[in-house]
């Protein structure tokens, strides 16, 4: 039993075409391992508390680093920031605002009234809640 030359050419042509199409699809649509993750670098947190000082007798100081990973300027008003100290809500003493350009970061220090002794402190900024 043998193959005639036309049938053998047809099988070889179909195999070659299949390999060529498979190769093109592999290049256009690589596997996940070849492509890697969509976002290889993790984004830094938008707000990081760098220092909390509650040793003063008449006030508490919190230093915060704000970052902006977006494309528009980020505006944070002091009136938008608060600290929960158990059932008590503390507001910053100053009313200044912080503006962060896209891709930048700014460190700001806020003064608050002294929290009640032993209270669990939580910092609230627009869109974020950070335990202290």
N, C-alpha and C. Protein backbone atom coordinates (compact mmCIF):
# COMPACT_ATOMS: atom_id res chain seq x y z
N UNK A 1 0.83 -1.16 0.00
CA UNK A 1 0.00 0.00 0.00
C UNK A 1 0.88 1.23 0.00
N UNK A 2 0.61 2.15 -0.82
CA UNK A 2 1.43 3.35 -0.88
C UNK A 2 0.57 4.58 -1.09
N UNK A 3 1.15 5.68 -0.80
CA UNK A 3 0.47 6.95 -1.04
C UNK A 3 0.85 7.46 -2.42
N UNK A 4 -0.12 8.02 -3.08
CA UNK A 4 0.27 8.63 -4.35
C UNK A 4 0.84 10.01 -4.06
N UNK A 5 1.57 10.50 -4.99
CA UNK A 5 2.32 11.73 -4.79
C UNK A 5 1.40 12.91 -4.46
N UNK A 6 0.25 13.03 -5.02
CA UNK A 6 -0.69 14.13 -4.77
C UNK A 6 -1.21 14.11 -3.34
N UNK A 7 -1.54 12.92 -2.83
CA UNK A 7 -2.05 12.82 -1.46
C UNK A 7 -0.95 13.19 -0.46
N UNK A 8 0.26 12.74 -0.72
CA UNK A 8 1.38 13.05 0.17
C UNK A 8 1.67 14.55 0.18
N UNK A 9 1.63 15.19 -0.98
CA UNK A 9 1.82 16.64 -1.05
C UNK A 9 0.72 17.39 -0.31
N UNK A 10 -0.50 16.92 -0.40
CA UNK A 10 -1.63 17.57 0.29
C UNK A 10 -1.46 17.47 1.80
N UNK A 11 -1.03 16.31 2.30
CA UNK A 11 -0.83 16.13 3.74
C UNK A 11 0.32 17.03 4.21
N UNK A 12 1.41 17.06 3.48
CA UNK A 12 2.55 17.89 3.85
C UNK A 12 2.18 19.38 3.82
N UNK A 13 1.42 19.80 2.81
CA UNK A 13 0.99 21.19 2.71
C UNK A 13 0.08 21.57 3.88
N UNK A 14 -0.84 20.69 4.25
CA UNK A 14 -1.75 20.96 5.37
C UNK A 14 -0.97 21.03 6.69
N UNK A 15 0.01 20.16 6.86
CA UNK A 15 0.82 20.17 8.07
C UNK A 15 1.64 21.44 8.16
N UNK A 16 2.25 21.83 7.05
CA UNK A 16 3.05 23.05 7.03
C UNK A 16 2.18 24.27 7.30
N UNK A 17 1.00 24.32 6.71
CA UNK A 17 0.09 25.44 6.94
C UNK A 17 -0.35 25.49 8.40
N UNK A 18 -0.63 24.34 8.97
CA UNK A 18 -1.04 24.29 10.38
C UNK A 18 0.06 24.77 11.30
N UNK A 19 1.31 24.36 11.03
CA UNK A 19 2.43 24.82 11.83
C UNK A 19 2.64 26.33 11.69
N UNK A 20 2.49 26.82 10.46
CA UNK A 20 2.66 28.25 10.22
C UNK A 20 1.59 29.06 10.95
N UNK A 21 0.35 28.64 10.87
CA UNK A 21 -0.74 29.34 11.55
C UNK A 21 -0.55 29.27 13.06
N UNK A 22 -0.16 28.10 13.56
CA UNK A 22 0.08 27.95 15.00
C UNK A 22 1.21 28.84 15.46
N UNK A 23 2.26 28.98 14.66
CA UNK A 23 3.37 29.86 15.01
C UNK A 23 2.96 31.31 15.05
N UNK A 24 2.14 31.73 14.09
CA UNK A 24 1.66 33.12 14.07
C UNK A 24 0.78 33.39 15.28
N UNK A 25 -0.08 32.47 15.63
CA UNK A 25 -0.95 32.65 16.80
C UNK A 25 -0.10 32.71 18.06
N UNK A 26 0.95 31.90 18.14
CA UNK A 26 1.83 31.92 19.30
C UNK A 26 2.56 33.23 19.44
N UNK A 27 2.89 33.88 18.34
CA UNK A 27 3.57 35.16 18.39
C UNK A 27 2.59 36.27 18.73
N UNK A 28 1.42 36.25 18.13
CA UNK A 28 0.41 37.29 18.35
C UNK A 28 -0.19 37.17 19.74
N UNK A 29 -0.41 35.96 20.19
CA UNK A 29 -1.05 35.73 21.48
C UNK A 29 -0.16 34.82 22.32
N UNK A 30 0.89 35.36 22.95
CA UNK A 30 1.79 34.52 23.73
C UNK A 30 1.11 34.01 25.00
N UNK A 31 1.65 32.97 25.57
CA UNK A 31 1.09 32.43 26.80
C UNK A 31 1.36 33.41 27.94
N UNK A 32 0.69 33.22 29.08
CA UNK A 32 0.87 34.10 30.23
C UNK A 32 2.31 34.07 30.71
N UNK A 33 2.93 32.88 30.70
CA UNK A 33 4.31 32.78 31.16
C UNK A 33 5.25 33.59 30.27
N UNK A 34 4.96 33.64 28.98
CA UNK A 34 5.80 34.41 28.08
C UNK A 34 5.53 35.90 28.20
N UNK A 35 4.28 36.26 28.35
CA UNK A 35 3.89 37.67 28.39
C UNK A 35 4.19 38.30 29.75
N UNK A 36 4.08 37.54 30.81
CA UNK A 36 4.28 38.07 32.16
C UNK A 36 3.00 38.73 32.64
N UNK A 37 2.99 39.15 33.89
CA UNK A 37 1.79 39.79 34.43
C UNK A 37 1.55 41.14 33.77
N UNK A 38 0.30 41.57 33.78
CA UNK A 38 -0.08 42.83 33.14
C UNK A 38 0.56 44.02 33.85
N UNK A 39 0.70 43.97 35.16
CA UNK A 39 1.27 45.07 35.93
C UNK A 39 2.38 44.51 36.81
N UNK A 40 3.59 44.42 36.30
CA UNK A 40 4.65 43.75 37.04
C UNK A 40 5.10 44.47 38.31
N UNK A 41 4.91 45.79 38.38
CA UNK A 41 5.34 46.53 39.56
C UNK A 41 4.15 46.85 40.44
N UNK A 42 4.20 46.49 41.71
CA UNK A 42 3.10 46.86 42.59
C UNK A 42 3.12 48.37 42.83
N UNK A 43 1.95 48.92 42.96
CA UNK A 43 1.85 50.36 43.21
C UNK A 43 2.06 50.64 44.69
N UNK A 44 2.75 51.72 44.99
CA UNK A 44 2.94 52.06 46.40
C UNK A 44 1.61 52.54 46.98
N UNK A 45 1.43 52.40 48.28
CA UNK A 45 0.20 52.90 48.88
C UNK A 45 0.10 54.41 48.72
N UNK A 46 -1.12 54.91 48.58
CA UNK A 46 -1.33 56.33 48.36
C UNK A 46 -1.00 57.16 49.60
N UNK A 47 -1.20 56.59 50.79
CA UNK A 47 -0.95 57.32 52.02
C UNK A 47 -0.21 56.42 52.99
N UNK A 48 0.88 56.94 53.56
CA UNK A 48 1.67 56.18 54.53
C UNK A 48 1.90 57.07 55.75
N UNK A 49 1.58 56.55 56.92
CA UNK A 49 1.86 57.27 58.16
C UNK A 49 3.32 57.02 58.51
N UNK A 50 4.10 58.09 58.61
CA UNK A 50 5.52 57.93 58.89
C UNK A 50 5.88 58.18 60.35
N UNK A 51 5.03 58.92 61.10
CA UNK A 51 5.34 59.19 62.50
C UNK A 51 4.08 59.58 63.25
N UNK A 52 3.97 59.09 64.48
CA UNK A 52 2.87 59.47 65.37
C UNK A 52 3.50 59.82 66.71
N UNK A 53 3.22 61.03 67.20
CA UNK A 53 3.76 61.47 68.49
C UNK A 53 2.60 61.84 69.40
N UNK A 54 2.35 61.02 70.43
CA UNK A 54 1.28 61.30 71.38
C UNK A 54 1.84 61.58 72.77
N UNK A 55 3.14 61.87 72.84
CA UNK A 55 3.77 62.11 74.13
C UNK A 55 3.58 63.54 74.64
N UNK A 56 3.20 64.44 73.77
CA UNK A 56 3.00 65.83 74.19
C UNK A 56 1.77 65.92 75.10
N UNK A 57 1.81 66.85 76.03
CA UNK A 57 0.71 66.98 77.00
C UNK A 57 -0.53 67.62 76.39
N UNK A 58 -0.34 68.49 75.39
CA UNK A 58 -1.49 69.23 74.90
C UNK A 58 -1.86 68.94 73.45
N UNK A 59 -1.11 68.06 72.76
CA UNK A 59 -1.47 67.76 71.38
C UNK A 59 -0.84 66.43 70.92
N UNK A 60 -1.32 65.96 69.80
CA UNK A 60 -0.79 64.76 69.15
C UNK A 60 -0.36 65.19 67.75
N UNK A 61 0.79 64.71 67.30
CA UNK A 61 1.31 65.05 65.98
C UNK A 61 1.38 63.79 65.13
N UNK A 62 0.86 63.87 63.90
CA UNK A 62 0.91 62.75 62.95
C UNK A 62 1.55 63.25 61.67
N UNK A 63 2.58 62.56 61.22
CA UNK A 63 3.25 62.88 59.96
C UNK A 63 2.85 61.84 58.93
N UNK A 64 2.41 62.31 57.77
CA UNK A 64 1.87 61.44 56.73
C UNK A 64 2.55 61.76 55.40
N UNK A 65 2.87 60.71 54.63
CA UNK A 65 3.39 60.91 53.27
C UNK A 65 2.28 60.53 52.29
N UNK A 66 1.85 61.51 51.53
CA UNK A 66 0.82 61.32 50.51
C UNK A 66 1.51 61.12 49.16
N UNK A 67 1.06 60.14 48.39
CA UNK A 67 1.58 59.91 47.04
C UNK A 67 0.44 60.03 46.05
N UNK A 68 0.79 60.31 44.81
CA UNK A 68 -0.21 60.42 43.75
C UNK A 68 0.25 59.56 42.58
N UNK A 69 -0.42 58.42 42.38
CA UNK A 69 -0.10 57.54 41.26
C UNK A 69 -1.04 57.77 40.09
N UNK A 70 -1.92 58.72 40.22
CA UNK A 70 -2.87 59.01 39.15
C UNK A 70 -2.30 59.98 38.13
N UNK A 71 -3.18 60.45 37.25
CA UNK A 71 -2.77 61.38 36.20
C UNK A 71 -3.22 62.81 36.47
N UNK A 72 -4.06 63.00 37.48
CA UNK A 72 -4.54 64.34 37.83
C UNK A 72 -3.96 64.73 39.18
N UNK A 73 -3.82 66.03 39.45
CA UNK A 73 -3.34 66.46 40.76
C UNK A 73 -4.26 65.96 41.87
N UNK A 74 -3.69 65.61 43.01
CA UNK A 74 -4.46 65.13 44.17
C UNK A 74 -4.49 66.25 45.20
N UNK A 75 -5.68 66.63 45.65
CA UNK A 75 -5.87 67.70 46.62
C UNK A 75 -6.43 67.09 47.90
N UNK A 76 -5.75 67.36 49.01
CA UNK A 76 -6.22 66.87 50.30
C UNK A 76 -6.33 68.06 51.24
N UNK A 77 -7.55 68.37 51.60
CA UNK A 77 -7.80 69.47 52.54
C UNK A 77 -7.69 68.92 53.96
N UNK A 78 -7.19 69.74 54.87
CA UNK A 78 -7.07 69.32 56.27
C UNK A 78 -8.44 69.02 56.87
N UNK A 79 -9.47 69.65 56.35
CA UNK A 79 -10.82 69.39 56.85
C UNK A 79 -11.33 68.00 56.45
N UNK A 80 -10.68 67.38 55.47
CA UNK A 80 -11.06 66.03 55.04
C UNK A 80 -10.37 64.94 55.85
N UNK A 81 -9.46 65.33 56.75
CA UNK A 81 -8.68 64.38 57.55
C UNK A 81 -9.24 64.36 58.96
N UNK A 82 -9.30 63.15 59.53
CA UNK A 82 -9.73 63.02 60.92
C UNK A 82 -9.08 61.81 61.55
N UNK A 83 -9.11 61.77 62.89
CA UNK A 83 -8.62 60.63 63.65
C UNK A 83 -9.75 60.16 64.55
N UNK A 84 -10.07 58.88 64.44
CA UNK A 84 -11.04 58.29 65.36
C UNK A 84 -10.28 57.77 66.56
N UNK A 85 -10.67 58.22 67.74
CA UNK A 85 -10.06 57.77 68.99
C UNK A 85 -11.18 57.18 69.83
N UNK A 86 -11.54 55.95 69.52
CA UNK A 86 -12.71 55.35 70.16
C UNK A 86 -13.94 56.07 69.64
N UNK A 87 -14.82 56.55 70.52
CA UNK A 87 -16.02 57.27 70.06
C UNK A 87 -15.74 58.74 69.71
N UNK A 88 -14.55 59.24 70.01
CA UNK A 88 -14.21 60.64 69.78
C UNK A 88 -13.57 60.80 68.40
N UNK A 89 -13.98 61.83 67.68
CA UNK A 89 -13.38 62.16 66.38
C UNK A 89 -12.58 63.44 66.54
N UNK A 90 -11.29 63.35 66.20
CA UNK A 90 -10.39 64.51 66.31
C UNK A 90 -10.13 65.08 64.93
N UNK A 91 -10.14 66.40 64.84
CA UNK A 91 -9.85 67.12 63.59
C UNK A 91 -8.51 67.84 63.72
N UNK A 92 -7.79 68.03 62.61
CA UNK A 92 -6.52 68.76 62.68
C UNK A 92 -6.75 70.20 63.15
N UNK A 93 -5.77 70.75 63.86
CA UNK A 93 -5.86 72.12 64.35
C UNK A 93 -5.71 73.12 63.20
N UNK A 94 -4.86 72.84 62.23
CA UNK A 94 -4.65 73.75 61.10
C UNK A 94 -5.64 73.41 59.99
N UNK A 95 -5.88 74.37 59.12
CA UNK A 95 -6.83 74.15 58.02
C UNK A 95 -6.15 74.24 56.66
N UNK A 96 -4.85 73.98 56.60
CA UNK A 96 -4.13 74.06 55.32
C UNK A 96 -4.47 72.86 54.45
N UNK A 97 -4.13 72.98 53.19
CA UNK A 97 -4.38 71.90 52.23
C UNK A 97 -3.06 71.41 51.66
N UNK A 98 -3.07 70.21 51.13
CA UNK A 98 -1.90 69.61 50.50
C UNK A 98 -2.25 69.26 49.08
N UNK A 99 -1.41 69.68 48.13
CA UNK A 99 -1.60 69.33 46.73
C UNK A 99 -0.42 68.47 46.28
N UNK A 100 -0.72 67.35 45.60
CA UNK A 100 0.32 66.44 45.13
C UNK A 100 0.19 66.31 43.63
N UNK A 101 1.28 66.59 42.92
CA UNK A 101 1.26 66.48 41.46
C UNK A 101 1.30 65.00 41.07
N UNK A 102 0.86 64.65 39.88
CA UNK A 102 0.90 63.25 39.43
C UNK A 102 2.32 62.69 39.48
N UNK A 103 2.46 61.52 40.06
CA UNK A 103 3.74 60.86 40.19
C UNK A 103 4.58 61.37 41.35
N UNK A 104 4.08 62.31 42.11
CA UNK A 104 4.86 62.90 43.20
C UNK A 104 4.39 62.43 44.56
N UNK A 105 5.10 62.87 45.59
CA UNK A 105 4.70 62.60 46.96
C UNK A 105 5.05 63.81 47.82
N UNK A 106 4.27 64.00 48.88
CA UNK A 106 4.43 65.14 49.78
C UNK A 106 4.28 64.63 51.21
N UNK A 107 5.14 65.10 52.10
CA UNK A 107 5.04 64.75 53.51
C UNK A 107 4.46 65.95 54.26
N UNK A 108 3.42 65.68 55.05
CA UNK A 108 2.74 66.73 55.81
C UNK A 108 2.61 66.29 57.26
N UNK A 109 2.65 67.26 58.17
CA UNK A 109 2.49 67.00 59.60
C UNK A 109 1.24 67.72 60.08
N UNK A 110 0.42 67.00 60.84
CA UNK A 110 -0.84 67.55 61.34
C UNK A 110 -0.84 67.47 62.87
N UNK A 111 -1.34 68.53 63.51
CA UNK A 111 -1.50 68.56 64.97
C UNK A 111 -2.96 68.34 65.30
N UNK A 112 -3.19 67.47 66.28
CA UNK A 112 -4.54 67.16 66.76
C UNK A 112 -4.57 67.38 68.27
N UNK A 113 -5.77 67.50 68.83
CA UNK A 113 -5.91 67.50 70.28
C UNK A 113 -5.48 66.14 70.81
N UNK A 114 -5.14 66.09 72.09
CA UNK A 114 -4.70 64.83 72.70
C UNK A 114 -5.86 63.84 72.74
N UNK A 115 -5.63 62.59 72.30
CA UNK A 115 -6.71 61.60 72.32
C UNK A 115 -6.94 61.07 73.74
N UNK A 116 -8.09 60.47 73.98
CA UNK A 116 -8.34 59.88 75.30
C UNK A 116 -7.32 58.75 75.56
N UNK A 117 -6.91 58.57 76.80
CA UNK A 117 -5.94 57.52 77.11
C UNK A 117 -6.48 56.12 76.75
N UNK A 118 -5.63 55.31 76.14
CA UNK A 118 -5.99 53.93 75.82
C UNK A 118 -6.89 53.75 74.62
N UNK A 119 -7.25 54.82 73.92
CA UNK A 119 -8.15 54.72 72.78
C UNK A 119 -7.41 54.16 71.56
N UNK A 120 -8.12 53.38 70.77
CA UNK A 120 -7.57 52.88 69.52
C UNK A 120 -7.67 53.99 68.48
N UNK A 121 -6.55 54.32 67.85
CA UNK A 121 -6.51 55.45 66.92
C UNK A 121 -6.55 54.96 65.47
N UNK A 122 -7.35 55.64 64.67
CA UNK A 122 -7.46 55.35 63.25
C UNK A 122 -7.48 56.66 62.48
N UNK A 123 -6.59 56.78 61.49
CA UNK A 123 -6.52 57.97 60.65
C UNK A 123 -7.43 57.79 59.44
N UNK A 124 -8.24 58.80 59.15
CA UNK A 124 -9.15 58.78 58.01
C UNK A 124 -8.75 59.90 57.05
N UNK A 125 -8.42 59.53 55.84
CA UNK A 125 -8.17 60.48 54.75
C UNK A 125 -9.13 60.10 53.63
N UNK A 126 -9.40 60.98 52.68
CA UNK A 126 -10.37 60.65 51.63
C UNK A 126 -10.05 59.33 50.93
N UNK A 127 -10.94 58.37 51.06
CA UNK A 127 -10.81 57.08 50.40
C UNK A 127 -9.94 56.07 51.12
N UNK A 128 -9.38 56.40 52.28
CA UNK A 128 -8.49 55.49 53.00
C UNK A 128 -8.72 55.56 54.50
N UNK A 129 -8.51 54.42 55.17
CA UNK A 129 -8.55 54.33 56.61
C UNK A 129 -7.29 53.61 57.05
N UNK A 130 -6.50 54.25 57.93
CA UNK A 130 -5.21 53.69 58.34
C UNK A 130 -5.16 53.57 59.86
N UNK A 131 -4.94 52.35 60.38
CA UNK A 131 -4.78 52.22 61.83
C UNK A 131 -3.45 52.83 62.28
N UNK A 132 -3.47 53.45 63.44
CA UNK A 132 -2.24 54.07 63.97
C UNK A 132 -1.67 53.24 65.10
